Amino acid sequence: MKVKLYSASWCRDCRATKQFLDTHGIEYTEINVDADEAASDEVMRHVGKRAIPQLVIDGEWFQPYTPGRGLLYDEMYVRLHVKKT
């Protein structure tokens, strides 16, 4: 499985997403949208807004949170093929 995470250091949901990935031993490539303008444009092209975090799992874009409600843990378990313990 190939995973990319579009994020920024100031983003609380991005940090929580990284913690989820790290906790479950999922390798990923982090792309900081603040440091890479092309990455920010890429998010805009695929999502239609500059919303982070964004995961790209084997080429499929997925926004792992709902604004105001937080991370979509159940959906992340399914999409990332992680067993709940």
PDB file of N, CA and C in Angstrom:
ATOM      1  N   MET A   1       0.856  -1.172   0.000  1.00  0.00           N
ATOM      2  CA  MET A   1       0.000   0.000   0.000  1.00  0.00           C
ATOM      3  C   MET A   1       0.901   1.235   0.000  1.00  0.00           C
ATOM      4  N   LYS A   2       0.587   2.178  -0.861  1.00  0.00           N
ATOM      5  CA  LYS A   2       1.343   3.429  -0.941  1.00  0.00           C
ATOM      6  C   LYS A   2       0.464   4.551  -0.382  1.00  0.00           C
ATOM      7  N   VAL A   3       0.986   5.260   0.636  1.00  0.00           N
ATOM      8  CA  VAL A   3       0.213   6.297   1.318  1.00  0.00           C
ATOM      9  C   VAL A   3       0.982   7.611   1.293  1.00  0.00           C
ATOM     10  N   LYS A   4       0.284   8.665   0.901  1.00  0.00           N
ATOM     11  CA  LYS A   4       0.804  10.032   0.996  1.00  0.00           C
ATOM     12  C   LYS A   4      -0.093  10.802   1.953  1.00  0.00           C
ATOM     13  N   LEU A   5       0.517  11.695   2.716  1.00  0.00           N
ATOM     14  CA  LEU A   5      -0.227  12.562   3.624  1.00  0.00           C
ATOM     15  C   LEU A   5       0.115  14.007   3.293  1.00  0.00           C
ATOM     16  N   TYR A   6      -0.878  14.758   2.852  1.00  0.00           N
ATOM     17  CA  TYR A   6      -0.715  16.196   2.648  1.00  0.00           C
ATOM     18  C   TYR A   6      -1.077  16.858   3.968  1.00  0.00           C
ATOM     19  N   SER A   7      -0.145  17.650   4.506  1.00  0.00           N
ATOM     20  CA  SER A   7      -0.340  18.202   5.846  1.00  0.00           C
ATOM     21  C   SER A   7       0.403  19.524   6.002  1.00  0.00           C
ATOM     22  N   ALA A   8       0.295  20.076   7.205  1.00  0.00           N
ATOM     23  CA  ALA A   8       1.052  21.264   7.609  1.00  0.00           C
ATOM     24  C   ALA A   8       1.337  21.143   9.106  1.00  0.00           C
ATOM     25  N   SER A   9       2.428  21.728   9.543  1.00  0.00           N
ATOM     26  CA  SER A   9       2.843  21.586  10.944  1.00  0.00           C
ATOM     27  C   SER A   9       1.861  22.213  11.930  1.00  0.00           C
ATOM     28  N   TRP A  10       1.131  23.233  11.521  1.00  0.00           N
ATOM     29  CA  TRP A  10       0.206  23.928  12.415  1.00  0.00           C
ATOM     30  C   TRP A  10      -1.140  23.212  12.539  1.00  0.00           C
ATOM     31  N   CYS A  11      -1.383  22.190  11.743  1.00  0.00           N
ATOM     32  CA  CYS A  11      -2.687  21.540  11.641  1.00  0.00           C
ATOM     33  C   CYS A  11      -2.843  20.426  12.685  1.00  0.00           C
ATOM     34  N   ARG A  12      -3.762  20.615  13.617  1.00  0.00           N
ATOM     35  CA  ARG A  12      -4.006  19.640  14.693  1.00  0.00           C
ATOM     36  C   ARG A  12      -4.487  18.304  14.135  1.00  0.00           C
ATOM     37  N   ASP A  13      -5.393  18.325  13.159  1.00  0.00           N
ATOM     38  CA  ASP A  13      -5.889  17.078  12.574  1.00  0.00           C
ATOM     39  C   ASP A  13      -4.800  16.359  11.784  1.00  0.00           C
ATOM     40  N   CYS A  14      -3.867  17.114  11.216  1.00  0.00           N
ATOM     41  CA  CYS A  14      -2.728  16.498  10.521  1.00  0.00           C
ATOM     42  C   CYS A  14      -1.857  15.744  11.517  1.00  0.00           C
ATOM     43  N   ARG A  15      -1.592  16.352  12.659  1.00  0.00           N
ATOM     44  CA  ARG A  15      -0.780  15.691  13.688  1.00  0.00           C
ATOM     45  C   ARG A  15      -1.477  14.429  14.183  1.00  0.00           C
ATOM     46  N   ALA A  16      -2.787  14.488  14.363  1.00  0.00           N
ATOM     47  CA  ALA A  16      -3.545  13.313  14.813  1.00  0.00           C
ATOM     48  C   ALA A  16      -3.529  12.209  13.756  1.00  0.00           C
ATOM     49  N   THR A  17      -3.597  12.580  12.493  1.00  0.00           N
ATOM     50  CA  THR A  17      -3.530  11.598  11.406  1.00  0.00           C
ATOM     51  C   THR A  17      -2.163  10.932  11.389  1.00  0.00           C
ATOM     52  N   LYS A  18      -1.091  11.721  11.543  1.00  0.00           N
ATOM     53  CA  LYS A  18       0.259  11.158  11.584  1.00  0.00           C
ATOM     54  C   LYS A  18       0.402  10.203  12.766  1.00  0.00           C
ATOM     55  N   GLN A  19      -0.163  10.577  13.903  1.00  0.00           N
ATOM     56  CA  GLN A  19      -0.095   9.714  15.087  1.00  0.00           C
ATOM     57  C   GLN A  19      -0.797   8.378  14.816  1.00  0.00           C
ATOM     58  N   PHE A  20      -1.957   8.419  14.162  1.00  0.00           N
ATOM     59  CA  PHE A  20      -2.681   7.197  13.813  1.00  0.00           C
ATOM     60  C   PHE A  20      -1.811   6.317  12.908  1.00  0.00           C
ATOM     61  N   LEU A  21      -1.247   6.916  11.867  1.00  0.00           N
ATOM     62  CA  LEU A  21      -0.411   6.164  10.929  1.00  0.00           C
ATOM     63  C   LEU A  21       0.809   5.577  11.638  1.00  0.00           C
ATOM     64  N   ASP A  22       1.474   6.381  12.451  1.00  0.00           N
ATOM     65  CA  ASP A  22       2.663   5.919  13.168  1.00  0.00           C
ATOM     66  C   ASP A  22       2.321   4.808  14.159  1.00  0.00           C
ATOM     67  N   THR A  23       1.245   4.980  14.900  1.00  0.00           N
ATOM     68  CA  THR A  23       0.825   3.996  15.897  1.00  0.00           C
ATOM     69  C   THR A  23       0.554   2.638  15.267  1.00  0.00           C
ATOM     70  N   HIS A  24       0.022   2.652  14.052  1.00  0.00           N
ATOM     71  CA  HIS A  24      -0.334   1.403  13.386  1.00  0.00           C
ATOM     72  C   HIS A  24       0.733   0.929  12.390  1.00  0.00           C
ATOM     73  N   GLY A  25       1.900   1.558  12.431  1.00  0.00           N
ATOM     74  CA  GLY A  25       3.025   1.113  11.621  1.00  0.00           C
ATOM     75  C   GLY A  25       2.821   1.261  10.125  1.00  0.00           C
ATOM     76  N   ILE A  26       2.051   2.250   9.727  1.00  0.00           N
ATOM     77  CA  ILE A  26       1.779   2.476   8.312  1.00  0.00           C
ATOM     78  C   ILE A  26       2.811   3.457   7.766  1.00  0.00           C
ATOM     79  N   GLU A  27       3.564   3.010   6.773  1.00  0.00           N
ATOM     80  CA  GLU A  27       4.555   3.883   6.144  1.00  0.00           C
ATOM     81  C   GLU A  27       3.840   4.868   5.235  1.00  0.00           C
ATOM     82  N   TYR A  28       4.324   6.101   5.235  1.00  0.00           N
ATOM     83  CA  TYR A  28       3.708   7.143   4.411  1.00  0.00           C
ATOM     84  C   TYR A  28       4.736   8.194   4.053  1.00  0.00           C
ATOM     85  N   THR A  29       4.429   8.911   3.009  1.00  0.00           N
ATOM     86  CA  THR A  29       5.230  10.053   2.606  1.00  0.00           C
ATOM     87  C   THR A  29       4.457  11.304   2.988  1.00  0.00           C
ATOM     88  N   GLU A  30       5.068  12.150   3.796  1.00  0.00           N
ATOM     89  CA  GLU A  30       4.413  13.390   4.206  1.00  0.00           C
ATOM     90  C   GLU A  30       4.801  14.510   3.253  1.00  0.00           C
ATOM     91  N   ILE A  31       3.802  15.266   2.831  1.00  0.00           N
ATOM     92  CA  ILE A  31       4.012  16.400   1.939  1.00  0.00           C
ATOM     93  C   ILE A  31       3.460  17.637   2.633  1.00  0.00           C
ATOM     94  N   ASN A  32       4.343  18.563   2.965  1.00  0.00           N
ATOM     95  CA  ASN A  32       3.964  19.771   3.684  1.00  0.00           C
ATOM     96  C   ASN A  32       3.485  20.825   2.682  1.00  0.00           C
ATOM     97  N   VAL A  33       2.210  21.148   2.733  1.00  0.00           N
ATOM     98  CA  VAL A  33       1.641  22.094   1.764  1.00  0.00           C
ATOM     99  C   VAL A  33       2.140  23.521   1.986  1.00  0.00           C
ATOM    100  N   ASP A  34       2.607  23.833   3.183  1.00  0.00           N
ATOM    101  CA  ASP A  34       3.159  25.167   3.435  1.00  0.00           C
ATOM    102  C   ASP A  34       4.530  25.325   2.797  1.00  0.00           C
ATOM    103  N   ALA A  35       5.279  24.245   2.725  1.00  0.00           N
ATOM    104  CA  ALA A  35       6.634  24.297   2.183  1.00  0.00           C
ATOM    105  C   ALA A  35       6.678  24.047   0.679  1.00  0.00           C
ATOM    106  N   ASP A  36       5.584  23.531   0.130  1.00  0.00           N
ATOM    107  CA  ASP A  36       5.569  23.141  -1.277  1.00  0.00           C
ATOM    108  C   ASP A  36       4.286  23.667  -1.931  1.00  0.00           C
ATOM    109  N   GLU A  37       4.400  24.789  -2.637  1.00  0.00           N
ATOM    110  CA  GLU A  37       3.231  25.417  -3.259  1.00  0.00           C
ATOM    111  C   GLU A  37       2.564  24.494  -4.273  1.00  0.00           C
ATOM    112  N   ALA A  38       3.363  23.699  -4.971  1.00  0.00           N
ATOM    113  CA  ALA A  38       2.798  22.753  -5.946  1.00  0.00           C
ATOM    114  C   ALA A  38       1.922  21.720  -5.242  1.00  0.00           C
ATOM    115  N   ALA A  39       2.304  21.327  -4.037  1.00  0.00           N
ATOM    116  CA  ALA A  39       1.504  20.366  -3.269  1.00  0.00           C
ATOM    117  C   ALA A  39       0.172  20.987  -2.864  1.00  0.00           C
ATOM    118  N   SER A  40       0.200  22.242  -2.472  1.00  0.00           N
ATOM    119  CA  SER A  40      -1.028  22.955  -2.132  1.00  0.00           C
ATOM    120  C   SER A  40      -1.950  23.029  -3.345  1.00  0.00           C
ATOM    121  N   ASP A  41      -1.371  23.294  -4.507  1.00  0.00           N
ATOM    122  CA  ASP A  41      -2.153  23.332  -5.750  1.00  0.00           C
ATOM    123  C   ASP A  41      -2.723  21.952  -6.081  1.00  0.00           C
ATOM    124  N   GLU A  42      -1.950  20.914  -5.809  1.00  0.00           N
ATOM    125  CA  GLU A  42      -2.398  19.534  -6.050  1.00  0.00           C
ATOM    126  C   GLU A  42      -3.628  19.203  -5.204  1.00  0.00           C
ATOM    127  N   VAL A  43      -3.602  19.604  -3.941  1.00  0.00           N
ATOM    128  CA  VAL A  43      -4.770  19.399  -3.070  1.00  0.00           C
ATOM    129  C   VAL A  43      -5.973  20.131  -3.652  1.00  0.00           C
ATOM    130  N   MET A  44      -5.775  21.356  -4.058  1.00  0.00           N
ATOM    131  CA  MET A  44      -6.861  22.165  -4.628  1.00  0.00           C
ATOM    132  C   MET A  44      -7.440  21.502  -5.874  1.00  0.00           C
ATOM    133  N   ARG A  45      -6.573  20.977  -6.719  1.00  0.00           N
ATOM    134  CA  ARG A  45      -7.008  20.322  -7.952  1.00  0.00           C
ATOM    135  C   ARG A  45      -7.867  19.083  -7.675  1.00  0.00           C
ATOM    136  N   HIS A  46      -7.482  18.300  -6.689  1.00  0.00           N
ATOM    137  CA  HIS A  46      -8.179  17.039  -6.414  1.00  0.00           C
ATOM    138  C   HIS A  46      -9.389  17.192  -5.496  1.00  0.00           C
ATOM    139  N   VAL A  47      -9.333  18.161  -4.594  1.00  0.00           N
ATOM    140  CA  VAL A  47     -10.371  18.272  -3.565  1.00  0.00           C
ATOM    141  C   VAL A  47     -11.298  19.458  -3.815  1.00  0.00           C
ATOM    142  N   GLY A  48     -10.793  20.455  -4.530  1.00  0.00           N
ATOM    143  CA  GLY A  48     -11.594  21.637  -4.793  1.00  0.00           C
ATOM    144  C   GLY A  48     -11.490  22.702  -3.725  1.00  0.00           C
ATOM    145  N   LYS A  49     -10.663  22.445  -2.712  1.00  0.00           N
ATOM    146  CA  LYS A  49     -10.418  23.422  -1.648  1.00  0.00           C
ATOM    147  C   LYS A  49      -9.087  23.078  -0.989  1.00  0.00           C
ATOM    148  N   ARG A  50      -8.556  23.989  -0.239  1.00  0.00           N
ATOM    149  CA  ARG A  50      -7.273  23.770   0.430  1.00  0.00           C
ATOM    150  C   ARG A  50      -7.529  23.183   1.809  1.00  0.00           C
ATOM    151  N   ALA A  51      -7.998  21.966   1.841  1.00  0.00           N
ATOM    152  CA  ALA A  51      -8.344  21.287   3.087  1.00  0.00           C
ATOM    153  C   ALA A  51      -7.309  20.209   3.388  1.00  0.00           C
ATOM    154  N   ILE A  52      -6.749  20.282   4.578  1.00  0.00           N
ATOM    155  CA  ILE A  52      -5.817  19.255   5.034  1.00  0.00           C
ATOM    156  C   ILE A  52      -6.259  18.781   6.411  1.00  0.00           C
ATOM    157  N   PRO A  53      -5.907  17.586   6.798  1.00  0.00           N
ATOM    158  CA  PRO A  53      -5.085  16.616   6.103  1.00  0.00           C
ATOM    159  C   PRO A  53      -5.837  15.951   4.952  1.00  0.00           C
ATOM    160  N   GLN A  54      -5.052  15.478   4.004  1.00  0.00           N
ATOM    161  CA  GLN A  54      -5.559  14.652   2.911  1.00  0.00           C
ATOM    162  C   GLN A  54      -4.661  13.426   2.820  1.00  0.00           C
ATOM    163  N   LEU A  55      -5.280  12.275   2.714  1.00  0.00           N
ATOM    164  CA  LEU A  55      -4.536  11.049   2.474  1.00  0.00           C
ATOM    165  C   LEU A  55      -4.759  10.626   1.028  1.00  0.00           C
ATOM    166  N   VAL A  56      -3.718  10.101   0.425  1.00  0.00           N
ATOM    167  CA  VAL A  56      -3.836   9.477  -0.887  1.00  0.00           C
ATOM    168  C   VAL A  56      -3.367   8.042  -0.681  1.00  0.00           C
ATOM    169  N   ILE A  57      -4.308   7.111  -0.774  1.00  0.00           N
ATOM    170  CA  ILE A  57      -4.037   5.705  -0.512  1.00  0.00           C
ATOM    171  C   ILE A  57      -4.121   4.962  -1.842  1.00  0.00           C
ATOM    172  N   ASP A  58      -2.980   4.500  -2.302  1.00  0.00           N
ATOM    173  CA  ASP A  58      -2.910   3.822  -3.601  1.00  0.00           C
ATOM    174  C   ASP A  58      -3.616   4.629  -4.689  1.00  0.00           C
ATOM    175  N   GLY A  59      -3.358   5.938  -4.681  1.00  0.00           N
ATOM    176  CA  GLY A  59      -3.893   6.824  -5.713  1.00  0.00           C
ATOM    177  C   GLY A  59      -5.285   7.370  -5.452  1.00  0.00           C
ATOM    178  N   GLU A  60      -5.956   6.898  -4.409  1.00  0.00           N
ATOM    179  CA  GLU A  60      -7.311   7.359  -4.088  1.00  0.00           C
ATOM    180  C   GLU A  60      -7.259   8.413  -2.983  1.00  0.00           C
ATOM    181  N   TRP A  61      -7.826   9.584  -3.263  1.00  0.00           N
ATOM    182  CA  TRP A  61      -7.832  10.681  -2.297  1.00  0.00           C
ATOM    183  C   TRP A  61      -8.902  10.448  -1.242  1.00  0.00           C
ATOM    184  N   PHE A  62      -8.549  10.793   0.002  1.00  0.00           N
ATOM    185  CA  PHE A  62      -9.450  10.594   1.147  1.00  0.00           C
ATOM    186  C   PHE A  62      -9.181  11.676   2.181  1.00  0.00           C
ATOM    187  N   GLN A  63     -10.222  12.380   2.566  1.00  0.00           N
ATOM    188  CA  GLN A  63     -10.119  13.391   3.624  1.00  0.00           C
ATOM    189  C   GLN A  63     -10.481  12.696   4.930  1.00  0.00           C
ATOM    190  N   PRO A  64      -9.500  12.475   5.817  1.00  0.00           N
ATOM    191  CA  PRO A  64      -9.727  11.648   6.998  1.00  0.00           C
ATOM    192  C   PRO A  64     -10.373  12.368   8.183  1.00  0.00           C
ATOM    193  N   TYR A  65     -11.072  13.436   7.931  1.00  0.00           N
ATOM    194  CA  TYR A  65     -11.721  14.152   9.025  1.00  0.00           C
ATOM    195  C   TYR A  65     -12.960  14.859   8.497  1.00  0.00           C
ATOM    196  N   THR A  66     -13.803  15.220   9.423  1.00  0.00           N
ATOM    197  CA  THR A  66     -14.956  16.062   9.123  1.00  0.00           C
ATOM    198  C   THR A  66     -14.768  17.347   9.919  1.00  0.00           C
ATOM    199  N   PRO A  67     -14.784  18.508   9.259  1.00  0.00           N
ATOM    200  CA  PRO A  67     -14.583  19.759   9.986  1.00  0.00           C
ATOM    201  C   PRO A  67     -15.549  19.879  11.171  1.00  0.00           C
ATOM    202  N   GLY A  68     -14.981  20.222  12.300  1.00  0.00           N
ATOM    203  CA  GLY A  68     -15.780  20.397  13.512  1.00  0.00           C
ATOM    204  C   GLY A  68     -16.090  19.104  14.254  1.00  0.00           C
ATOM    205  N   ARG A  69     -15.829  17.954  13.624  1.00  0.00           N
ATOM    206  CA  ARG A  69     -16.121  16.670  14.267  1.00  0.00           C
ATOM    207  C   ARG A  69     -14.877  15.834  14.485  1.00  0.00           C
ATOM    208  N   GLY A  70     -13.808  16.132  13.778  1.00  0.00           N
ATOM    209  CA  GLY A  70     -12.551  15.428  13.993  1.00  0.00           C
ATOM    210  C   GLY A  70     -12.303  14.287  13.024  1.00  0.00           C
ATOM    211  N   LEU A  71     -11.354  13.431  13.422  1.00  0.00           N
ATOM    212  CA  LEU A  71     -10.908  12.351  12.552  1.00  0.00           C
ATOM    213  C   LEU A  71     -11.963  11.265  12.404  1.00  0.00           C
ATOM    214  N   LEU A  72     -11.941  10.656  11.232  1.00  0.00           N
ATOM    215  CA  LEU A  72     -12.855   9.566  10.900  1.00  0.00           C
ATOM    216  C   LEU A  72     -12.121   8.249  11.165  1.00  0.00           C
ATOM    217  N   TYR A  73     -11.948   7.937  12.442  1.00  0.00           N
ATOM    218  CA  TYR A  73     -11.151   6.774  12.817  1.00  0.00           C
ATOM    219  C   TYR A  73     -11.696   5.479  12.209  1.00  0.00           C
ATOM    220  N   ASP A  74     -12.995   5.252  12.302  1.00  0.00           N
ATOM    221  CA  ASP A  74     -13.559   4.010  11.772  1.00  0.00           C
ATOM    222  C   ASP A  74     -13.264   3.852  10.293  1.00  0.00           C
ATOM    223  N   GLU A  75     -13.399   4.929   9.542  1.00  0.00           N
ATOM    224  CA  GLU A  75     -13.134   4.866   8.107  1.00  0.00           C
ATOM    225  C   GLU A  75     -11.641   4.686   7.825  1.00  0.00           C
ATOM    226  N   MET A  76     -10.785   5.281   8.659  1.00  0.00           N
ATOM    227  CA  MET A  76      -9.345   5.093   8.467  1.00  0.00           C
ATOM    228  C   MET A  76      -8.955   3.643   8.714  1.00  0.00           C
ATOM    229  N   TYR A  77      -9.549   3.009   9.730  1.00  0.00           N
ATOM    230  CA  TYR A  77      -9.271   1.592   9.973  1.00  0.00           C
ATOM    231  C   TYR A  77      -9.587   0.773   8.722  1.00  0.00           C
ATOM    232  N   VAL A  78     -10.732   1.031   8.113  1.00  0.00           N
ATOM    233  CA  VAL A  78     -11.156   0.276   6.934  1.00  0.00           C
ATOM    234  C   VAL A  78     -10.259   0.572   5.741  1.00  0.00           C
ATOM    235  N   ARG A  79     -10.077   1.838   5.425  1.00  0.00           N
ATOM    236  CA  ARG A  79      -9.319   2.209   4.217  1.00  0.00           C
ATOM    237  C   ARG A  79      -7.849   1.820   4.290  1.00  0.00           C
ATOM    238  N   LEU A  80      -7.314   1.807   5.504  1.00  0.00           N
ATOM    239  CA  LEU A  80      -5.898   1.484   5.661  1.00  0.00           C
ATOM    240  C   LEU A  80      -5.664   0.023   6.069  1.00  0.00           C
ATOM    241  N   HIS A  81      -6.751  -0.755   6.099  1.00  0.00           N
ATOM    242  CA  HIS A  81      -6.679  -2.194   6.401  1.00  0.00           C
ATOM    243  C   HIS A  81      -6.014  -2.464   7.755  1.00  0.00           C
ATOM    244  N   VAL A  82      -6.476  -1.703   8.760  1.00  0.00           N
ATOM    245  CA  VAL A  82      -5.933  -1.840  10.108  1.00  0.00           C
ATOM    246  C   VAL A  82      -6.991  -2.533  10.960  1.00  0.00           C
ATOM    247  N   LYS A  83      -6.538  -3.521  11.730  1.00  0.00           N
ATOM    248  CA  LYS A  83      -7.454  -4.223  12.650  1.00  0.00           C
ATOM    249  C   LYS A  83      -7.587  -3.398  13.927  1.00  0.00           C
ATOM    250  N   LYS A  84      -8.809  -3.257  14.379  1.00  0.00           N
ATOM    251  CA  LYS A  84      -9.028  -2.597  15.678  1.00  0.00           C
ATOM    252  C   LYS A  84      -8.639  -3.571  16.775  1.00  0.00           C
ATOM    253  N   THR A  85      -8.007  -3.026  17.809  1.00  0.00           N
ATOM    254  CA  THR A  85      -7.605  -3.891  18.915  1.00  0.00           C
ATOM    255  C   THR A  85      -8.431  -3.625  20.134  1.00  0.00           C
TER     256      THR A  85
END
